[in-house]
Amino acid sequence: MSEHTARPGLRVGDAERERTEALLRTHVGAGRLDLPEFESRLDAVHAAHTQADLDAVTRDLPAPARAARPARAPRNLQRAAMWAPWAAVGAICMVVWLATSLGTGAMQPFWPVWVIGPWGAVLVLGTLTGRHWPCATTRARS
């Protein structure tokens, strides 16, 4: 059956006939139709003028299986892919700040806040709103 079944009098063109022909070929490949029956249905497809004519050719055949949607990365994996680099860079910045403070013998201004703060604010905003920028793991699957 087709998505146009609600309008059986709808005229069809070559594209609809080709889709129905491809569907019949799929059913021949699956063993649902033998060659003589396929050829007679193919003649009916080429003679079809309306959607009802095409639907009659495939009425007794199961609907084609829908293509599986590509799996999306789980939200937790996406979140980890966003937050892990922030945490790693933040930790490195704090280690450098601590080493320079200890090396000079005086507390240095806490400059890592300028790295950690804005980046973290963007990540918090993305986490709260549910909007995420595509990361490498999601781009690779597209």
C-alpha atoms as a PDB file:
ATOM      1  CA  MET A   1       0.000   0.000   0.000  1.00  0.00           C
ATOM      2  CA  SER A   2       1.121   3.529  -0.567  1.00  0.00           C
ATOM      3  CA  GLU A   3       0.987   6.806   1.285  1.00  0.00           C
ATOM      4  CA  HIS A   4      -1.512   7.988  -1.346  1.00  0.00           C
ATOM      5  CA  THR A   5      -4.136   5.339  -0.530  1.00  0.00           C
ATOM      6  CA  ALA A   6      -6.375   8.012   0.990  1.00  0.00           C
ATOM      7  CA  ARG A   7      -6.713   9.463  -2.546  1.00  0.00           C
ATOM      8  CA  PRO A   8      -7.181   6.412  -4.793  1.00  0.00           C
ATOM      9  CA  GLY A   9      -8.222   8.495  -7.826  1.00  0.00           C
ATOM     10  CA  LEU A  10      -4.939  10.406  -7.807  1.00  0.00           C
ATOM     11  CA  ARG A  11      -3.161  10.179 -11.160  1.00  0.00           C
ATOM     12  CA  VAL A  12       0.265   8.550 -11.136  1.00  0.00           C
ATOM     13  CA  GLY A  13       3.366   9.173 -13.180  1.00  0.00           C
ATOM     14  CA  ASP A  14       6.546   7.353 -14.058  1.00  0.00           C
ATOM     15  CA  ALA A  15       8.092   7.906 -10.613  1.00  0.00           C
ATOM     16  CA  GLU A  16       5.201   6.133  -8.840  1.00  0.00           C
ATOM     17  CA  ARG A  17       5.245   3.321 -11.385  1.00  0.00           C
ATOM     18  CA  GLU A  18       9.008   2.878 -10.902  1.00  0.00           C
ATOM     19  CA  ARG A  19       8.595   2.752  -7.103  1.00  0.00           C
ATOM     20  CA  THR A  20       5.902   0.092  -7.448  1.00  0.00           C
ATOM     21  CA  GLU A  21       8.069  -1.849  -9.895  1.00  0.00           C
ATOM     22  CA  ALA A  22      10.981  -1.733  -7.427  1.00  0.00           C
ATOM     23  CA  LEU A  23       8.639  -2.945  -4.683  1.00  0.00           C
ATOM     24  CA  LEU A  24       7.539  -5.866  -6.858  1.00  0.00           C
ATOM     25  CA  ARG A  25      11.191  -6.729  -7.572  1.00  0.00           C
ATOM     26  CA  THR A  26      11.799  -6.795  -3.812  1.00  0.00           C
ATOM     27  CA  HIS A  27       8.921  -9.239  -3.373  1.00  0.00           C
ATOM     28  CA  VAL A  28      10.247 -11.448  -6.191  1.00  0.00           C
ATOM     29  CA  GLY A  29      13.622 -11.471  -4.453  1.00  0.00           C
ATOM     30  CA  ALA A  30      11.935 -12.447  -1.188  1.00  0.00           C
ATOM     31  CA  GLY A  31      10.129 -15.335  -2.918  1.00  0.00           C
ATOM     32  CA  ARG A  32       6.619 -13.905  -2.520  1.00  0.00           C
ATOM     33  CA  LEU A  33       6.057 -13.724  -6.278  1.00  0.00           C
ATOM     34  CA  ASP A  34       7.109 -16.097  -9.034  1.00  0.00           C
ATOM     35  CA  LEU A  35       8.294 -14.769 -12.399  1.00  0.00           C
ATOM     36  CA  PRO A  36       5.040 -15.237 -14.371  1.00  0.00           C
ATOM     37  CA  GLU A  37       3.043 -13.467 -11.656  1.00  0.00           C
ATOM     38  CA  PHE A  38       5.679 -10.721 -11.441  1.00  0.00           C
ATOM     39  CA  GLU A  39       5.463 -10.164 -15.209  1.00  0.00           C
ATOM     40  CA  SER A  40       1.663  -9.939 -15.154  1.00  0.00           C
ATOM     41  CA  ARG A  41       1.762  -7.475 -12.252  1.00  0.00           C
ATOM     42  CA  LEU A  42       4.471  -5.499 -14.031  1.00  0.00           C
ATOM     43  CA  ASP A  43       2.191  -5.184 -17.076  1.00  0.00           C
ATOM     44  CA  ALA A  44      -0.555  -3.878 -14.768  1.00  0.00           C
ATOM     45  CA  VAL A  45       1.883  -1.364 -13.245  1.00  0.00           C
ATOM     46  CA  HIS A  46       2.829   0.003 -16.666  1.00  0.00           C
ATOM     47  CA  ALA A  47      -0.868   0.262 -17.620  1.00  0.00           C
ATOM     48  CA  ALA A  48      -1.823   1.998 -14.339  1.00  0.00           C
ATOM     49  CA  HIS A  49      -3.276   5.498 -14.528  1.00  0.00           C
ATOM     50  CA  THR A  50      -4.361   6.067 -10.909  1.00  0.00           C
ATOM     51  CA  GLN A  51      -3.080   5.292  -7.452  1.00  0.00           C
ATOM     52  CA  ALA A  52      -5.917   2.787  -7.042  1.00  0.00           C
ATOM     53  CA  ASP A  53      -4.549   0.852 -10.040  1.00  0.00           C
ATOM     54  CA  LEU A  54      -1.108   0.635  -8.395  1.00  0.00           C
ATOM     55  CA  ASP A  55      -2.582  -0.248  -4.993  1.00  0.00           C
ATOM     56  CA  ALA A  56      -4.493  -3.142  -6.583  1.00  0.00           C
ATOM     57  CA  VAL A  57      -1.202  -4.606  -7.838  1.00  0.00           C
ATOM     58  CA  THR A  58       0.381  -4.660  -4.359  1.00  0.00           C
ATOM     59  CA  ARG A  59      -2.723  -5.066  -2.160  1.00  0.00           C
ATOM     60  CA  ASP A  60      -1.980  -8.691  -1.166  1.00  0.00           C
ATOM     61  CA  LEU A  61       1.716  -8.058  -0.466  1.00  0.00           C
ATOM     62  CA  PRO A  62       3.134  -6.950   2.899  1.00  0.00           C
ATOM     63  CA  ALA A  63       4.217  -3.344   3.256  1.00  0.00           C
ATOM     64  CA  PRO A  64       7.941  -2.767   2.829  1.00  0.00           C
ATOM     65  CA  ALA A  65       9.932  -2.697   6.031  1.00  0.00           C
ATOM     66  CA  ARG A  66      10.892   0.808   7.051  1.00  0.00           C
ATOM     67  CA  ALA A  67      14.580   1.566   7.060  1.00  0.00           C
ATOM     68  CA  ALA A  68      16.018   1.637  10.536  1.00  0.00           C
ATOM     69  CA  ARG A  69      16.966   5.082  11.764  1.00  0.00           C
ATOM     70  CA  PRO A  70      20.644   5.501  12.454  1.00  0.00           C
ATOM     71  CA  ALA A  71      21.372   5.177  16.127  1.00  0.00           C
ATOM     72  CA  ARG A  72      22.083   8.425  17.903  1.00  0.00           C
ATOM     73  CA  ALA A  73      24.726   8.737  20.530  1.00  0.00           C
ATOM     74  CA  PRO A  74      23.130   8.474  23.957  1.00  0.00           C
ATOM     75  CA  ARG A  75      22.685  11.811  25.723  1.00  0.00           C
ATOM     76  CA  ASN A  76      25.091  10.785  28.485  1.00  0.00           C
ATOM     77  CA  LEU A  77      27.797  10.084  25.911  1.00  0.00           C
ATOM     78  CA  GLN A  78      27.197  13.454  24.263  1.00  0.00           C
ATOM     79  CA  ARG A  79      27.326  15.183  27.629  1.00  0.00           C
ATOM     80  CA  ALA A  80      30.555  13.403  28.536  1.00  0.00           C
ATOM     81  CA  ALA A  81      32.060  14.369  25.177  1.00  0.00           C
ATOM     82  CA  MET A  82      31.321  18.010  25.971  1.00  0.00           C
ATOM     83  CA  TRP A  83      32.285  18.126  29.648  1.00  0.00           C
ATOM     84  CA  ALA A  84      35.407  15.908  29.637  1.00  0.00           C
ATOM     85  CA  PRO A  85      37.637  18.323  27.670  1.00  0.00           C
ATOM     86  CA  TRP A  86      36.460  21.221  29.850  1.00  0.00           C
ATOM     87  CA  ALA A  87      37.363  19.304  33.018  1.00  0.00           C
ATOM     88  CA  ALA A  88      40.749  18.229  31.631  1.00  0.00           C
ATOM     89  CA  VAL A  89      41.727  21.725  30.469  1.00  0.00           C
ATOM     90  CA  GLY A  90      40.447  23.202  33.738  1.00  0.00           C
ATOM     91  CA  ALA A  91      42.530  20.753  35.759  1.00  0.00           C
ATOM     92  CA  ILE A  92      45.652  21.512  33.703  1.00  0.00           C
ATOM     93  CA  CYS A  93      45.123  25.268  34.144  1.00  0.00           C
ATOM     94  CA  MET A  94      44.736  24.878  37.911  1.00  0.00           C
ATOM     95  CA  VAL A  95      47.870  22.734  38.143  1.00  0.00           C
ATOM     96  CA  VAL A  96      49.823  25.379  36.202  1.00  0.00           C
ATOM     97  CA  TRP A  97      48.372  28.142  38.429  1.00  0.00           C
ATOM     98  CA  LEU A  98      49.221  26.187  41.591  1.00  0.00           C
ATOM     99  CA  ALA A  99      52.755  25.421  40.349  1.00  0.00           C
ATOM    100  CA  THR A 100      53.417  29.083  39.516  1.00  0.00           C
ATOM    101  CA  SER A 101      51.993  30.195  42.864  1.00  0.00           C
ATOM    102  CA  LEU A 102      54.162  27.725  44.764  1.00  0.00           C
ATOM    103  CA  GLY A 103      57.181  28.495  42.578  1.00  0.00           C
ATOM    104  CA  THR A 104      57.000  32.229  43.235  1.00  0.00           C
ATOM    105  CA  GLY A 105      56.174  31.822  46.913  1.00  0.00           C
ATOM    106  CA  ALA A 106      53.079  34.038  46.612  1.00  0.00           C
ATOM    107  CA  MET A 107      49.524  33.365  45.548  1.00  0.00           C
ATOM    108  CA  GLN A 108      49.058  34.446  41.954  1.00  0.00           C
ATOM    109  CA  PRO A 109      45.725  35.852  40.754  1.00  0.00           C
ATOM    110  CA  PHE A 110      43.413  32.944  39.942  1.00  0.00           C
ATOM    111  CA  TRP A 111      43.611  33.315  36.167  1.00  0.00           C
ATOM    112  CA  PRO A 112      42.135  29.835  35.362  1.00  0.00           C
ATOM    113  CA  VAL A 113      38.719  31.365  36.038  1.00  0.00           C
ATOM    114  CA  TRP A 114      39.010  33.084  32.627  1.00  0.00           C
ATOM    115  CA  VAL A 115      39.388  29.689  30.955  1.00  0.00           C
ATOM    116  CA  ILE A 116      37.060  27.620  33.123  1.00  0.00           C
ATOM    117  CA  GLY A 117      34.306  30.207  33.635  1.00  0.00           C
ATOM    118  CA  PRO A 118      33.122  31.187  30.135  1.00  0.00           C
ATOM    119  CA  TRP A 119      33.565  27.697  28.729  1.00  0.00           C
ATOM    120  CA  GLY A 120      31.733  26.194  31.707  1.00  0.00           C
ATOM    121  CA  ALA A 121      28.926  28.757  31.378  1.00  0.00           C
ATOM    122  CA  VAL A 122      28.383  27.754  27.751  1.00  0.00           C
ATOM    123  CA  LEU A 123      28.324  24.073  28.737  1.00  0.00           C
ATOM    124  CA  VAL A 124      25.876  24.705  31.592  1.00  0.00           C
ATOM    125  CA  LEU A 125      23.613  26.638  29.239  1.00  0.00           C
ATOM    126  CA  GLY A 126      23.741  23.818  26.697  1.00  0.00           C
ATOM    127  CA  THR A 127      23.029  21.196  29.355  1.00  0.00           C
ATOM    128  CA  LEU A 128      20.077  23.123  30.804  1.00  0.00           C
ATOM    129  CA  THR A 129      18.473  23.942  27.456  1.00  0.00           C
ATOM    130  CA  GLY A 130      19.219  20.574  25.885  1.00  0.00           C
ATOM    131  CA  ARG A 131      20.893  22.200  22.883  1.00  0.00           C
ATOM    132  CA  HIS A 132      24.270  20.824  21.987  1.00  0.00           C
ATOM    133  CA  TRP A 133      26.803  21.589  19.343  1.00  0.00           C
ATOM    134  CA  PRO A 134      27.669  18.573  17.246  1.00  0.00           C
ATOM    135  CA  CYS A 135      30.711  16.777  18.554  1.00  0.00           C
ATOM    136  CA  ALA A 136      33.055  14.483  16.681  1.00  0.00           C
ATOM    137  CA  THR A 137      31.165  11.336  17.751  1.00  0.00           C
ATOM    138  CA  THR A 138      27.852  12.564  16.339  1.00  0.00           C
ATOM    139  CA  ARG A 139      29.383  13.990  13.152  1.00  0.00           C
ATOM    140  CA  ALA A 140      31.097  10.696  12.366  1.00  0.00           C
ATOM    141  CA  ARG A 141      27.752   8.854  12.412  1.00  0.00           C
ATOM    142  CA  SER A 142      25.960  11.305  10.117  1.00  0.00           C
END
